[in-house]
Protein backbone atom coordinates (compact mmCIF):
# COMPACT_ATOMS: atom_id res chain seq x y z
CA MET A 1 -10.60 3.14 7.51
CA LYS A 2 -11.15 5.92 10.06
CA ASN A 3 -11.96 8.44 7.31
CA SER A 4 -14.50 6.05 5.78
CA THR A 5 -16.23 5.64 9.15
CA LYS A 6 -16.38 9.41 9.69
CA THR A 7 -17.80 9.95 6.22
CA LEU A 8 -20.47 7.29 6.83
CA LEU A 9 -21.43 8.99 10.12
CA TYR A 10 -21.72 12.39 8.39
CA TRP A 11 -24.02 10.97 5.71
CA THR A 12 -26.09 9.12 8.34
CA PHE A 13 -26.62 12.30 10.39
CA PHE A 14 -27.43 14.23 7.21
CA PHE A 15 -30.14 11.80 6.09
CA LEU A 16 -31.47 11.50 9.65
CA ALA A 17 -31.80 15.28 9.85
CA LEU A 18 -33.68 15.38 6.54
CA LEU A 19 -36.04 12.60 7.64
CA ILE A 20 -36.76 14.43 10.90
CA GLY A 21 -37.33 17.54 8.81
CA ILE A 22 -39.93 15.73 6.69
CA TYR A 23 -41.73 14.54 9.83
CA SER A 24 -41.73 18.08 11.21
CA LEU A 25 -43.00 19.56 7.94
CA LEU A 26 -45.81 17.00 7.74
CA SER A 27 -46.73 17.75 11.35
CA PHE A 28 -47.25 21.42 10.41
CA GLU A 29 -48.96 20.38 7.16
CA TYR A 30 -46.25 21.80 4.88
CA ILE A 31 -46.91 19.08 2.32
CA LEU A 32 -45.07 20.68 -0.63
CA ALA A 33 -41.97 21.36 1.46
CA ALA A 34 -42.04 17.78 2.76
CA LYS A 35 -42.22 16.44 -0.81
CA LEU A 36 -39.30 18.64 -1.87
CA THR A 37 -37.27 17.39 1.09
CA GLY A 38 -38.05 13.81 0.06
CA VAL A 39 -36.81 14.54 -3.47
CA ILE A 40 -33.62 16.03 -1.98
CA ILE A 41 -33.08 12.85 0.05
CA VAL A 42 -33.45 10.63 -3.04
CA LEU A 43 -31.12 12.79 -5.17
CA THR A 44 -28.53 13.06 -2.40
CA PHE A 45 -28.64 9.31 -1.83
CA ILE A 46 -28.04 8.66 -5.55
CA ILE A 47 -25.09 11.09 -5.57
CA ALA A 48 -23.60 9.55 -2.42
CA LEU A 49 -23.97 6.07 -3.91
CA LYS A 50 -22.24 7.20 -7.11
CA ILE A 51 -19.34 8.72 -5.14
CA TRP A 52 -18.98 5.56 -3.04
CA THR A 53 -18.98 3.34 -6.15
CA THR A 54 -16.35 5.49 -7.87
CA ASN A 55 -14.10 5.55 -4.81
CA SER A 56 -14.43 1.78 -4.43
CA LYS A 57 -13.35 1.25 -8.04
CA ILE A 58 -10.35 3.54 -7.57
CA LYS A 59 -9.39 1.71 -4.38
CA ASN A 60 -9.67 -1.66 -6.10
CA LEU A 61 -7.47 -0.44 -8.95
CA LYS A 62 -4.87 0.72 -6.43
CA LEU A 63 -4.92 -2.69 -4.76
CA LYS A 64 -4.51 -4.65 -7.99
CA LYS A 65 -1.70 -7.13 -7.47
CA THR A 66 0.63 -9.19 -9.62
CA PRO A 67 0.09 -12.88 -8.77
CA LEU A 68 3.23 -14.86 -7.89
CA ASN A 69 3.86 -18.12 -9.74
CA LEU A 70 5.66 -21.29 -8.65
CA ASN A 71 9.04 -19.95 -9.79
CA HIS A 72 8.59 -16.86 -7.61
CA ARG A 73 7.67 -18.96 -4.58
CA TYR A 74 10.59 -21.30 -5.20
CA TRP A 75 12.98 -18.34 -5.32
CA LEU A 76 11.61 -16.97 -2.06
CA LYS A 77 11.91 -20.39 -0.46
CA GLU A 78 15.53 -20.78 -1.58
CA HIS A 79 16.83 -17.24 -1.09
CA CYS A 80 14.68 -15.50 1.52
CA PHE A 81 15.21 -16.91 5.03
CA PHE A 82 12.55 -14.63 6.53
CA TYR A 83 9.95 -16.11 4.15
CA GLN A 84 11.00 -19.61 5.21
CA THR A 85 10.28 -18.82 8.87
CA LEU A 86 6.66 -17.79 8.21
CA ASN A 87 3.67 -20.05 8.70
CA SER A 88 1.42 -20.85 5.73
CA THR A 89 -1.01 -17.99 6.45
CA ASP A 90 1.74 -15.38 6.79
CA LYS A 91 3.41 -16.67 3.62
CA ILE A 92 0.22 -15.86 1.70
CA ILE A 93 0.16 -12.37 3.21
CA PHE A 94 3.86 -11.95 2.37
CA GLU A 95 3.25 -13.02 -1.25
CA ASP A 96 0.23 -10.71 -1.56
CA ARG A 97 2.23 -7.72 -0.34
CA ILE A 98 5.00 -8.48 -2.83
CA GLY A 99 2.40 -8.82 -5.60
CA LEU A 100 0.87 -5.45 -4.70
CA LEU A 101 4.31 -3.80 -4.82
CA LEU A 102 5.18 -5.50 -8.10
CA SER A 103 2.04 -4.05 -9.69
CA LYS A 104 2.90 -0.51 -8.57
CA VAL A 105 6.68 -0.08 -8.27
CA GLY A 106 9.06 -0.32 -11.21
CA VAL A 107 12.74 -1.36 -11.20
CA VAL A 108 15.29 0.23 -13.55
CA ASP A 109 18.93 -0.61 -14.27
CA THR A 110 20.55 1.57 -16.94
CA HIS A 111 23.42 -0.91 -17.47
CA LYS A 112 21.64 -4.22 -17.89
CA GLU A 113 18.27 -5.93 -18.04
CA VAL A 114 16.60 -6.38 -14.68
CA LYS A 115 15.97 -10.03 -13.88
CA ALA A 116 12.87 -11.35 -12.14
CA ASP A 117 15.05 -12.32 -9.16
CA THR A 118 16.02 -8.68 -8.67
CA PHE A 119 12.38 -7.57 -8.76
CA LEU A 120 11.52 -10.17 -6.13
CA ALA A 121 14.49 -9.31 -3.94
CA ILE A 122 13.62 -5.60 -3.87
CA MET A 123 9.93 -6.15 -3.14
CA ALA A 124 10.74 -8.80 -0.51
CA TYR A 125 13.18 -6.34 1.05
CA CYS A 126 10.46 -3.69 1.37
CA THR A 127 7.94 -6.24 2.63
CA ILE A 128 10.28 -7.52 5.35
CA THR A 129 11.26 -4.01 6.43
CA PHE A 130 7.65 -3.06 7.22
CA TRP A 131 6.32 -6.50 8.09
CA ASN A 132 5.32 -5.39 11.61
CA GLN A 133 3.24 -2.54 10.19
CA PRO A 134 0.10 -2.43 8.01
CA PHE A 135 0.78 -2.86 4.30
CA TRP A 136 2.35 0.22 2.75
CA ASP A 137 2.55 0.66 -1.03
CA LEU A 138 5.65 2.95 -0.75
CA GLY A 139 3.53 6.07 -1.17
CA ARG A 140 4.88 8.35 -3.89
CA ILE A 141 7.81 6.04 -4.67
CA SER A 142 7.19 4.47 -8.08
CA THR A 143 10.69 3.37 -9.13
CA PHE A 144 13.86 1.76 -7.79
CA ILE A 145 16.99 2.66 -9.76
CA ASN A 146 20.26 0.73 -9.51
CA ASN A 147 23.11 2.78 -8.07
CA ASP A 148 26.21 0.97 -6.80
CA LEU A 149 27.85 4.17 -5.51
CA GLN A 150 25.35 5.47 -2.97
CA THR A 151 21.74 5.33 -1.75
CA PHE A 152 19.43 8.30 -1.78
CA LEU A 153 15.78 9.22 -2.09
CA ASN A 154 14.41 11.29 -4.96
CA ASP A 155 10.89 12.68 -5.28
CA THR A 156 9.36 9.53 -6.80
CA SER A 157 12.24 7.06 -6.77
CA ILE A 158 14.96 5.51 -4.66
CA GLU A 159 18.46 4.99 -6.02
CA CYS A 160 20.19 2.13 -4.26
CA SER A 161 22.44 -0.86 -4.80
CA PHE A 162 20.51 -3.86 -6.10
CA SER A 163 23.50 -5.98 -5.12
CA SER A 164 23.20 -4.80 -1.50
CA ILE A 165 19.52 -5.72 -1.43
CA SER A 166 20.09 -9.17 -2.92
CA LYS A 167 22.88 -9.90 -0.43
CA ALA A 168 20.81 -8.68 2.51
CA ILE A 169 17.99 -11.03 1.49
CA SER A 170 20.18 -14.07 0.85
CA ASN A 171 22.45 -13.54 3.90
CA SER A 172 19.47 -13.08 6.25
CA VAL A 173 20.81 -9.81 7.68
CA LEU A 174 17.48 -8.02 7.25
CA SER A 175 14.80 -7.92 9.94
CA PRO A 176 11.51 -6.00 10.31
CA MET A 177 11.67 -2.46 11.64
CA GLU A 178 10.23 -1.94 15.11
CA SER A 179 10.46 1.85 15.40
CA ASP A 180 7.71 4.13 14.14
CA GLN A 181 9.36 7.39 15.20
CA SER A 182 10.23 8.55 11.69
CA SER A 183 8.35 8.42 8.42
CA GLN A 184 8.27 5.14 6.52
CA LEU A 185 10.27 6.59 3.64
CA ASP A 186 12.97 7.76 6.04
CA GLU A 187 13.06 4.33 7.66
CA LEU A 188 13.33 2.56 4.31
CA GLN A 189 16.14 4.84 3.20
CA LEU A 190 18.04 4.23 6.46
CA VAL A 191 17.70 0.46 6.09
CA LEU A 192 18.90 0.62 2.47
CA ILE A 193 21.88 2.78 3.43
CA HIS A 194 22.73 0.38 6.26
CA SER A 195 22.74 -2.59 3.86
CA PHE A 196 24.86 -0.61 1.39
CA LYS A 197 27.43 0.18 4.09
CA GLN A 198 27.51 -3.43 5.27
CA GLU A 199 28.24 -4.66 1.76
CA ASN A 200 30.98 -2.09 1.15
CA ASN A 201 32.61 -2.66 4.54
CA ALA A 202 32.68 -6.41 4.11
């Protein structure tokens, strides 16, 4: 949002400078130069509009979400205590964040087919972890891979125990992170490792 505002200010100052330039040129009767400046303004405006339109389309594609159906909401209601505590407005936000993650992040288990419940549990886990922060699409992370032995972060994926995540959701042992001292990926990895240790120590 801040970058968009800065860009808008830069363009505004640029066009304002050109318009002042036209006024100055006309004042000194440099008609041809004033006309050329006017043409530059029109062409630059068209280019800026094209860039803005393209960026908006890219942003909309990034924010495309998978809509949750009644079965998804029923599962959240039955298995996710944090979801149950939310008011109706926050539940919609919670569902939207899960839908955005579902459209971007994949889930892989090399031993068996991944059920819809597992998808929901993982995305709900991520949503709860960063509930107190603006929505985060997990950055470069594109895949969760089941690993019942340990939890660690790869370049574009996280290997973790799906069983740990499901138990953390159903047993209500997960709460939103408050600290913003470390990076979000580091925080997520720490929370996943903590859940893994809790399950194995139980």
